[in-house]
Amino acid sequence: MSDVSTFRLYLLRGAYLLVSVGLAFTIWPQIILHDTKWPLWYGVGCSLLAAVSVLAVLGIRYRSSARAVADHQRSHRANDCNLTLL
């Protein structure tokens, strides 16, 4: 993966860091310290954002692996679209 410039790599890592820190201060305290029952879609939203923050932390260190996962998901979406058109 040497086709990405160093500036873009650090820009991507900075964006991942911004997302992970922002969600760490807003979502994780709600998940860890909640004391009442949440409505269904509020809990789903918090869980989804928590998963995004974990993936952002992993993306800071393992950029090439995250790209491989994204490429894999993109290929599955393309296959799903092709099957839908049939």
N, C-alpha and C. Protein backbone atom coordinates (compact mmCIF):
# COMPACT_ATOMS: atom_id res chain seq x y z
N MET A 1 0.82 -1.19 0.00
CA MET A 1 0.00 0.00 0.00
C MET A 1 0.87 1.26 0.00
N SER A 2 1.88 1.27 -0.79
CA SER A 2 2.77 2.42 -0.82
C SER A 2 2.28 3.51 -1.76
N ASP A 3 1.10 3.32 -2.37
CA ASP A 3 0.58 4.31 -3.31
C ASP A 3 -0.05 5.52 -2.61
N VAL A 4 -0.20 5.47 -1.29
CA VAL A 4 -0.79 6.58 -0.54
C VAL A 4 0.35 7.45 0.00
N SER A 5 0.22 8.76 -0.21
CA SER A 5 1.28 9.65 0.26
C SER A 5 1.25 9.74 1.79
N THR A 6 2.37 10.14 2.34
CA THR A 6 2.49 10.25 3.79
C THR A 6 1.52 11.29 4.34
N PHE A 7 1.34 12.39 3.64
CA PHE A 7 0.41 13.41 4.09
C PHE A 7 -1.01 12.86 4.19
N ARG A 8 -1.44 12.12 3.18
CA ARG A 8 -2.80 11.55 3.20
C ARG A 8 -2.95 10.50 4.28
N LEU A 9 -1.89 9.74 4.53
CA LEU A 9 -1.92 8.74 5.58
C LEU A 9 -2.11 9.40 6.94
N TYR A 10 -1.35 10.46 7.21
CA TYR A 10 -1.50 11.15 8.49
C TYR A 10 -2.82 11.91 8.58
N LEU A 11 -3.33 12.38 7.47
CA LEU A 11 -4.64 13.03 7.46
C LEU A 11 -5.73 12.01 7.80
N LEU A 12 -5.65 10.82 7.24
CA LEU A 12 -6.60 9.76 7.54
C LEU A 12 -6.51 9.35 9.01
N ARG A 13 -5.30 9.21 9.50
CA ARG A 13 -5.13 8.85 10.91
C ARG A 13 -5.64 9.95 11.83
N GLY A 14 -5.46 11.20 11.44
CA GLY A 14 -6.01 12.30 12.24
C GLY A 14 -7.53 12.28 12.27
N ALA A 15 -8.15 11.95 11.14
CA ALA A 15 -9.61 11.85 11.09
C ALA A 15 -10.10 10.69 11.96
N TYR A 16 -9.41 9.56 11.90
CA TYR A 16 -9.77 8.43 12.76
C TYR A 16 -9.63 8.80 14.23
N LEU A 17 -8.57 9.54 14.56
CA LEU A 17 -8.36 9.95 15.94
C LEU A 17 -9.46 10.90 16.40
N LEU A 18 -9.83 11.84 15.55
CA LEU A 18 -10.90 12.78 15.88
C LEU A 18 -12.22 12.05 16.13
N VAL A 19 -12.55 11.10 15.27
CA VAL A 19 -13.79 10.34 15.43
C VAL A 19 -13.75 9.52 16.70
N SER A 20 -12.65 8.83 16.95
CA SER A 20 -12.58 7.95 18.12
C SER A 20 -12.60 8.74 19.42
N VAL A 21 -11.91 9.87 19.49
CA VAL A 21 -11.92 10.68 20.71
C VAL A 21 -13.30 11.32 20.92
N GLY A 22 -13.89 11.83 19.86
CA GLY A 22 -15.21 12.43 19.99
C GLY A 22 -16.25 11.44 20.47
N LEU A 23 -16.24 10.24 19.92
CA LEU A 23 -17.21 9.23 20.35
C LEU A 23 -16.87 8.67 21.73
N ALA A 24 -15.59 8.68 22.09
CA ALA A 24 -15.21 8.21 23.42
C ALA A 24 -15.77 9.12 24.51
N PHE A 25 -15.89 10.41 24.23
CA PHE A 25 -16.41 11.34 25.23
C PHE A 25 -17.93 11.45 25.20
N THR A 26 -18.58 11.04 24.12
CA THR A 26 -20.02 11.20 24.04
C THR A 26 -20.79 9.88 24.16
N ILE A 27 -20.35 8.84 23.49
CA ILE A 27 -21.11 7.59 23.45
C ILE A 27 -20.71 6.61 24.55
N TRP A 28 -19.42 6.43 24.76
CA TRP A 28 -18.99 5.40 25.72
C TRP A 28 -19.46 5.67 27.14
N PRO A 29 -19.46 6.91 27.64
CA PRO A 29 -20.03 7.11 28.99
C PRO A 29 -21.51 6.73 29.08
N GLN A 30 -22.26 6.97 28.00
CA GLN A 30 -23.67 6.59 28.00
C GLN A 30 -23.83 5.07 28.05
N ILE A 31 -22.95 4.36 27.37
CA ILE A 31 -23.04 2.90 27.34
C ILE A 31 -22.62 2.30 28.68
N ILE A 32 -21.55 2.83 29.25
CA ILE A 32 -21.01 2.26 30.48
C ILE A 32 -21.87 2.62 31.69
N LEU A 33 -22.37 3.85 31.75
CA LEU A 33 -23.05 4.34 32.95
C LEU A 33 -24.56 4.44 32.84
N HIS A 34 -25.18 3.82 31.85
CA HIS A 34 -26.64 3.97 31.75
C HIS A 34 -27.33 3.19 32.86
N ASP A 35 -28.43 3.74 33.37
CA ASP A 35 -29.12 3.11 34.49
C ASP A 35 -30.60 2.83 34.20
N THR A 36 -31.12 3.35 33.11
CA THR A 36 -32.51 3.09 32.76
C THR A 36 -32.56 2.33 31.43
N LYS A 37 -33.72 1.79 31.15
CA LYS A 37 -33.89 1.06 29.90
C LYS A 37 -34.01 2.06 28.75
N TRP A 38 -33.26 1.82 27.68
CA TRP A 38 -33.28 2.69 26.52
C TRP A 38 -34.37 2.28 25.55
N PRO A 39 -34.90 3.23 24.79
CA PRO A 39 -35.74 2.83 23.66
C PRO A 39 -34.90 2.04 22.65
N LEU A 40 -35.57 1.21 21.89
CA LEU A 40 -34.86 0.28 21.01
C LEU A 40 -33.90 0.98 20.07
N TRP A 41 -34.37 1.95 19.33
CA TRP A 41 -33.52 2.55 18.29
C TRP A 41 -32.45 3.45 18.88
N TYR A 42 -32.65 3.97 20.08
CA TYR A 42 -31.58 4.72 20.74
C TYR A 42 -30.44 3.78 21.11
N GLY A 43 -30.76 2.60 21.61
CA GLY A 43 -29.74 1.61 21.94
C GLY A 43 -29.00 1.11 20.71
N VAL A 44 -29.75 0.93 19.63
CA VAL A 44 -29.12 0.50 18.37
C VAL A 44 -28.15 1.58 17.88
N GLY A 45 -28.59 2.83 17.95
CA GLY A 45 -27.73 3.93 17.50
C GLY A 45 -26.46 4.04 18.33
N CYS A 46 -26.60 3.93 19.65
CA CYS A 46 -25.41 4.00 20.51
C CYS A 46 -24.47 2.82 20.26
N SER A 47 -25.04 1.64 20.05
CA SER A 47 -24.20 0.47 19.76
C SER A 47 -23.46 0.63 18.44
N LEU A 48 -24.15 1.15 17.45
CA LEU A 48 -23.52 1.37 16.14
C LEU A 48 -22.39 2.39 16.25
N LEU A 49 -22.62 3.48 16.95
CA LEU A 49 -21.57 4.49 17.10
C LEU A 49 -20.40 3.97 17.93
N ALA A 50 -20.67 3.12 18.91
CA ALA A 50 -19.58 2.51 19.68
C ALA A 50 -18.74 1.60 18.78
N ALA A 51 -19.39 0.86 17.90
CA ALA A 51 -18.65 -0.01 16.96
C ALA A 51 -17.82 0.83 16.00
N VAL A 52 -18.36 1.96 15.56
CA VAL A 52 -17.60 2.86 14.67
C VAL A 52 -16.37 3.38 15.39
N SER A 53 -16.51 3.71 16.68
CA SER A 53 -15.35 4.22 17.40
C SER A 53 -14.27 3.15 17.57
N VAL A 54 -14.67 1.91 17.79
CA VAL A 54 -13.69 0.82 17.89
C VAL A 54 -12.98 0.63 16.56
N LEU A 55 -13.74 0.66 15.46
CA LEU A 55 -13.12 0.51 14.14
C LEU A 55 -12.22 1.69 13.81
N ALA A 56 -12.56 2.89 14.29
CA ALA A 56 -11.69 4.04 14.06
C ALA A 56 -10.37 3.88 14.81
N VAL A 57 -10.43 3.35 16.02
CA VAL A 57 -9.19 3.10 16.77
C VAL A 57 -8.34 2.06 16.04
N LEU A 58 -8.97 1.03 15.53
CA LEU A 58 -8.22 0.03 14.77
C LEU A 58 -7.67 0.62 13.47
N GLY A 59 -8.41 1.55 12.87
CA GLY A 59 -7.97 2.17 11.62
C GLY A 59 -6.76 3.06 11.81
N ILE A 60 -6.56 3.59 13.02
CA ILE A 60 -5.37 4.42 13.28
C ILE A 60 -4.12 3.58 13.11
N ARG A 61 -4.15 2.35 13.60
CA ARG A 61 -2.96 1.52 13.56
C ARG A 61 -2.89 0.65 12.29
N TYR A 62 -4.01 0.07 11.91
CA TYR A 62 -4.01 -0.90 10.82
C TYR A 62 -4.76 -0.34 9.62
N ARG A 63 -4.18 0.65 8.97
CA ARG A 63 -4.85 1.31 7.85
C ARG A 63 -5.04 0.36 6.68
N SER A 64 -4.04 -0.44 6.37
CA SER A 64 -4.14 -1.32 5.21
C SER A 64 -5.17 -2.42 5.44
N SER A 65 -5.29 -2.91 6.66
CA SER A 65 -6.30 -3.92 6.96
C SER A 65 -7.70 -3.33 6.85
N ALA A 66 -7.86 -2.10 7.30
CA ALA A 66 -9.17 -1.45 7.21
C ALA A 66 -9.55 -1.25 5.75
N ARG A 67 -8.57 -0.95 4.93
CA ARG A 67 -8.86 -0.79 3.51
C ARG A 67 -9.25 -2.12 2.88
N ALA A 68 -8.62 -3.20 3.31
CA ALA A 68 -8.97 -4.52 2.77
C ALA A 68 -10.39 -4.89 3.17
N VAL A 69 -10.79 -4.58 4.38
CA VAL A 69 -12.16 -4.86 4.82
C VAL A 69 -13.15 -4.03 4.02
N ALA A 70 -12.83 -2.76 3.80
CA ALA A 70 -13.72 -1.89 3.03
C ALA A 70 -13.84 -2.39 1.59
N ASP A 71 -12.75 -2.83 1.00
CA ASP A 71 -12.80 -3.37 -0.36
C ASP A 71 -13.65 -4.64 -0.41
N HIS A 72 -13.52 -5.46 0.62
CA HIS A 72 -14.31 -6.69 0.68
C HIS A 72 -15.80 -6.38 0.78
N GLN A 73 -16.15 -5.40 1.64
CA GLN A 73 -17.55 -5.01 1.77
C GLN A 73 -18.07 -4.40 0.49
N ARG A 74 -17.26 -3.61 -0.18
CA ARG A 74 -17.66 -2.99 -1.44
C ARG A 74 -17.95 -4.05 -2.49
N SER A 75 -17.14 -5.10 -2.54
CA SER A 75 -17.38 -6.15 -3.52
C SER A 75 -18.67 -6.90 -3.21
N HIS A 76 -18.96 -7.11 -1.93
CA HIS A 76 -20.22 -7.78 -1.57
C HIS A 76 -21.42 -6.90 -1.93
N ARG A 77 -21.32 -5.59 -1.73
CA ARG A 77 -22.41 -4.70 -2.11
C ARG A 77 -22.63 -4.74 -3.62
N ALA A 78 -21.55 -4.78 -4.37
CA ALA A 78 -21.69 -4.84 -5.83
C ALA A 78 -22.36 -6.15 -6.24
N ASN A 79 -22.01 -7.25 -5.58
CA ASN A 79 -22.66 -8.52 -5.89
C ASN A 79 -24.13 -8.49 -5.51
N ASP A 80 -24.47 -7.88 -4.38
CA ASP A 80 -25.87 -7.79 -3.98
C ASP A 80 -26.66 -6.95 -4.99
N CYS A 81 -26.07 -5.86 -5.47
CA CYS A 81 -26.76 -5.04 -6.46
C CYS A 81 -26.95 -5.80 -7.76
N ASN A 82 -25.95 -6.56 -8.15
CA ASN A 82 -26.08 -7.35 -9.38
C ASN A 82 -27.16 -8.41 -9.26
N LEU A 83 -27.24 -9.06 -8.09
CA LEU A 83 -28.27 -10.06 -7.89
C LEU A 83 -29.66 -9.44 -7.85
N THR A 84 -29.76 -8.22 -7.32
CA THR A 84 -31.04 -7.53 -7.25
C THR A 84 -31.52 -7.19 -8.66
N LEU A 85 -30.59 -6.82 -9.52
CA LEU A 85 -30.97 -6.45 -10.89
C LEU A 85 -31.41 -7.65 -11.71
N LEU A 86 -30.95 -8.83 -11.32
CA LEU A 86 -31.36 -10.04 -12.06
C LEU A 86 -32.77 -10.36 -11.72
